[in-house]
Protein backbone atom coordinates (compact mmCIF):
# COMPACT_ATOMS: atom_id res chain seq x y z
CA MET A 1 0.18 0.09 -0.12
CA ASN A 2 1.20 3.37 -0.62
CA GLN A 3 1.87 5.24 2.60
CA PHE A 4 0.72 9.02 2.25
CA SER A 5 0.01 11.27 5.14
CA ILE A 6 -1.01 14.97 5.47
CA SER A 7 -0.22 16.56 8.79
CA LEU A 8 -1.96 20.02 10.11
CA GLN A 9 0.22 21.96 12.86
CA ASN A 10 -1.91 24.62 14.19
CA ALA A 11 -3.29 25.53 10.75
CA GLY A 12 -5.70 28.45 9.77
CA ARG A 13 -6.74 30.07 6.89
CA ARG A 14 -8.64 33.56 6.70
CA PHE A 15 -9.89 35.72 4.03
CA ASN A 16 -9.26 39.38 4.84
CA ARG A 17 -9.93 39.64 8.58
CA ASP A 18 -12.16 36.90 8.74
CA TRP A 19 -11.03 33.28 10.25
CA ILE A 20 -12.74 30.45 8.47
CA PHE A 21 -10.91 28.12 10.96
CA LYS A 22 -7.93 28.13 12.78
CA ASP A 23 -5.48 26.12 15.04
CA VAL A 24 -6.01 22.80 13.20
CA SER A 25 -3.75 20.03 14.15
CA TYR A 26 -4.85 16.88 12.66
CA THR A 27 -2.88 14.11 10.91
CA PHE A 28 -4.73 12.50 8.00
CA THR A 29 -2.87 8.66 6.93
CA SER A 30 -3.53 6.03 4.09
CA GLY A 31 -5.85 3.29 4.72
CA ASN A 32 -8.13 5.46 6.95
CA SER A 33 -11.29 7.43 5.93
CA TYR A 34 -11.95 10.85 7.12
CA ALA A 35 -15.41 12.85 7.12
CA VAL A 36 -14.94 16.65 7.11
CA LEU A 37 -18.21 18.07 8.30
CA GLY A 38 -19.85 21.39 8.57
CA PRO A 39 -22.73 23.36 7.52
CA ASN A 40 -22.41 24.96 4.00
CA GLY A 41 -20.20 27.83 4.05
CA SER A 42 -18.36 27.01 6.98
CA GLY A 43 -14.99 26.14 5.48
CA LYS A 44 -14.89 22.83 4.31
CA SER A 45 -13.88 23.23 0.78
CA THR A 46 -11.52 25.94 2.00
CA LEU A 47 -9.81 22.90 4.42
CA LEU A 48 -9.68 20.64 1.53
CA GLN A 49 -7.84 22.88 -0.63
CA LEU A 50 -5.29 23.14 2.20
CA LEU A 51 -5.16 19.79 2.17
CA ASN A 52 -4.44 19.18 -1.43
CA GLY A 53 -1.75 21.80 -1.61
CA SER A 54 -3.85 24.30 -3.88
CA LEU A 55 -4.09 26.91 -1.08
CA SER A 56 -1.72 27.56 1.68
CA PRO A 57 -2.30 28.20 5.64
CA SER A 58 -2.44 31.70 6.56
CA SER A 59 -1.06 30.24 10.17
CA GLY A 60 0.64 27.06 11.03
CA LYS A 61 2.02 24.66 8.61
CA VAL A 62 0.68 21.59 6.32
CA THR A 63 2.86 18.84 5.53
CA PHE A 64 2.90 15.98 3.18
CA SER A 65 4.71 12.74 3.36
CA TYR A 66 5.16 9.90 0.84
CA GLN A 67 6.60 6.58 1.84
CA GLY A 68 7.91 8.15 4.79
CA ASP A 69 9.70 10.95 2.84
CA ASN A 70 8.43 14.45 3.06
CA LEU A 71 6.97 15.76 -0.24
CA GLU A 72 7.25 19.47 -1.81
CA VAL A 73 3.96 20.95 -2.02
CA ASP A 74 4.22 21.48 -5.81
CA ALA A 75 4.50 17.58 -5.88
CA VAL A 76 1.46 16.56 -4.41
CA PHE A 77 -0.94 16.82 -7.00
CA LYS A 78 0.15 13.72 -8.84
CA HIS A 79 -0.73 11.58 -5.57
CA ILE A 80 -4.15 13.22 -5.13
CA SER A 81 -7.41 12.55 -7.17
CA LEU A 82 -10.18 15.18 -6.55
CA ALA A 83 -13.87 15.31 -7.20
CA ALA A 84 -15.89 18.50 -6.76
CA PRO A 85 -18.61 20.68 -7.80
CA TYR A 86 -16.32 23.46 -8.66
CA LEU A 87 -14.10 21.52 -10.64
CA GLU A 88 -14.66 22.24 -14.31
CA LEU A 89 -14.54 19.41 -17.05
CA ILE A 90 -13.45 20.52 -20.79
CA GLU A 91 -16.60 21.38 -22.15
CA GLU A 92 -15.29 21.52 -25.89
CA PHE A 93 -14.08 17.82 -25.36
CA THR A 94 -16.27 14.45 -26.08
CA LEU A 95 -16.27 12.13 -23.34
CA ASN A 96 -13.51 10.01 -24.81
CA GLU A 97 -11.18 13.28 -25.02
CA VAL A 98 -11.81 13.91 -21.44
CA ILE A 99 -10.98 10.55 -20.44
CA ASP A 100 -7.84 10.40 -22.14
CA PHE A 101 -6.73 14.03 -21.09
CA HIS A 102 -7.09 13.00 -17.61
CA PHE A 103 -5.41 9.84 -17.64
CA LYS A 104 -2.35 11.65 -19.28
CA PHE A 105 -1.62 13.07 -16.16
CA LYS A 106 -2.79 10.17 -13.68
CA PRO A 107 -2.17 6.39 -14.27
CA TYR A 108 -5.58 4.11 -14.32
CA LYS A 109 -5.99 1.71 -11.12
CA VAL A 110 -5.12 -1.64 -12.00
CA GLY A 111 -7.54 -3.49 -14.32
CA LEU A 112 -9.19 -0.46 -15.66
CA ASP A 113 -8.68 1.27 -19.27
CA ARG A 114 -11.16 3.76 -21.15
CA LYS A 115 -13.57 1.05 -22.37
CA GLN A 116 -13.88 -0.16 -18.57
CA LEU A 117 -14.21 3.36 -17.55
CA LEU A 118 -16.98 3.60 -19.97
CA ASP A 119 -18.49 0.62 -18.79
CA LEU A 120 -18.34 1.84 -15.07
CA LEU A 121 -20.17 4.90 -16.24
CA ASP A 122 -22.62 3.07 -18.59
CA MET A 123 -21.88 5.97 -21.08
CA GLN A 124 -20.80 3.88 -24.07
CA THR A 125 -23.23 5.39 -26.37
CA HIS A 126 -22.16 8.82 -25.29
CA ARG A 127 -18.27 8.41 -25.93
CA ASN A 128 -18.27 10.82 -28.85
CA LYS A 129 -20.62 13.31 -27.41
CA LEU A 130 -19.43 16.87 -26.36
CA VAL A 131 -19.41 17.20 -22.33
CA ARG A 132 -21.33 20.50 -22.89
CA TYR A 133 -24.64 18.42 -23.50
CA PHE A 134 -24.34 16.48 -20.66
CA SER A 135 -26.78 16.73 -17.62
CA SER A 136 -25.25 18.02 -14.22
CA GLY A 137 -25.83 14.44 -13.29
CA MET A 138 -23.86 12.86 -16.09
CA LYS A 139 -20.94 15.24 -15.70
CA GLN A 140 -20.93 14.56 -11.89
CA ARG A 141 -20.40 10.91 -12.42
CA VAL A 142 -17.78 11.56 -14.98
CA LYS A 143 -16.17 13.39 -12.20
CA LEU A 144 -16.56 10.55 -9.86
CA ALA A 145 -15.39 8.26 -12.21
CA LEU A 146 -12.09 9.64 -13.15
CA ALA A 147 -11.01 10.41 -9.36
CA PHE A 148 -12.03 6.86 -8.13
CA GLY A 149 -10.64 5.35 -11.47
CA SER A 150 -6.99 7.09 -10.96
CA ASP A 151 -4.21 5.12 -9.37
CA THR A 152 -3.52 7.62 -6.27
CA ALA A 153 -2.72 7.24 -2.70
CA VAL A 154 -5.36 9.98 -1.73
CA LEU A 155 -8.92 10.24 -2.93
CA MET A 156 -10.92 13.54 -1.95
CA LEU A 157 -14.35 14.16 -2.61
CA ASP A 158 -16.24 17.22 -1.88
CA GLU A 159 -20.27 16.84 -1.75
CA PRO A 160 -19.63 13.86 -4.26
CA THR A 161 -23.45 12.92 -4.65
CA SER A 162 -24.48 16.58 -5.74
CA ASN A 163 -26.61 16.38 -8.80
CA LEU A 164 -27.06 12.64 -8.42
CA ASP A 165 -30.38 10.93 -8.12
CA THR A 166 -31.04 8.04 -5.96
CA GLN A 167 -29.52 5.51 -8.51
CA GLY A 168 -26.55 7.82 -8.51
CA VAL A 169 -26.07 7.63 -4.95
CA ASP A 170 -26.05 3.80 -4.98
CA TRP A 171 -23.57 4.00 -7.93
CA TYR A 172 -21.49 6.10 -5.61
CA LEU A 173 -21.54 3.84 -2.77
CA LYS A 174 -20.29 0.81 -4.93
CA LEU A 175 -17.31 2.89 -6.34
CA VAL A 176 -16.20 3.63 -2.65
CA GLN A 177 -16.62 -0.28 -1.92
CA GLN A 178 -14.78 -1.00 -5.46
CA TYR A 179 -12.02 1.97 -5.29
CA ALA A 180 -11.60 3.42 -2.05
CA GLN A 181 -9.94 0.38 -0.17
CA ASP A 182 -6.62 1.04 1.12
CA ARG A 183 -6.32 4.79 0.14
CA LEU A 184 -6.52 7.82 2.05
CA THR A 185 -10.01 9.11 1.65
CA ILE A 186 -11.23 12.48 2.93
CA VAL A 187 -14.90 13.45 2.32
CA CYS A 188 -16.41 16.84 2.57
CA SER A 189 -20.05 17.05 3.34
CA ASN A 190 -23.19 17.44 5.33
CA GLN A 191 -25.06 14.79 4.02
CA ALA A 192 -24.49 11.36 6.21
CA HIS A 193 -25.15 9.05 2.86
CA GLU A 194 -21.85 10.39 1.29
CA TYR A 195 -19.49 9.48 4.42
CA SER A 196 -21.38 6.92 5.88
CA PHE A 197 -18.42 4.64 5.62
CA CYS A 198 -15.76 7.25 6.93
CA THR A 199 -14.23 5.82 10.05
CA GLN A 200 -13.22 9.18 11.45
CA GLN A 201 -14.80 12.52 11.50
CA LEU A 202 -13.24 16.01 12.02
CA SER A 203 -16.04 18.87 12.60
CA ILE A 204 -15.01 22.35 10.84
CA THR A 205 -17.20 24.16 13.54
CA ASN A 206 -14.64 22.96 16.24
CA TYR A 207 -11.89 25.36 14.66
CA LYS A 208 -13.83 28.56 14.53
């Protein structure tokens, strides 16, 4: 198993003079699943951006470790898969092109290729369709399949079932069972069905 850890030491983030959260000391490690909880607007997504290296803390520090060695922040992205509502797909690409483009940067999980990913999505008939014509639910499925299907040590999910119907939620939970094992998994959510499998919980409201 790829050992990955993310450690926050008294980490905080503010915008202008307002602290979103502060004094977070917490370590996330491989093989565990974490739910980051809090109401809308509480700072869950901001914390996730600290954890994936796309934001730096306003106070304290974040350290990343892979196989026991410290990682520079600009090397973190290749170890992380992310699915989030604010992540955009390239609308001018077909589904095939989106998949091929994504996997230029991340390897497939063992046993997967483009055809099998299309089978997983049940979107074979849409493979040559421009993503701009997809429904919001179809786009969300694509984002999730790309994240789960990438062979990365870390899986980060922000509101993973947004825009999914009941059938889509069941599909998401099957992905969790198949592709989230042995990874460091972090789910930002305020809906229990999205994080029911998580073994640890961190409430953002404890760090205001």
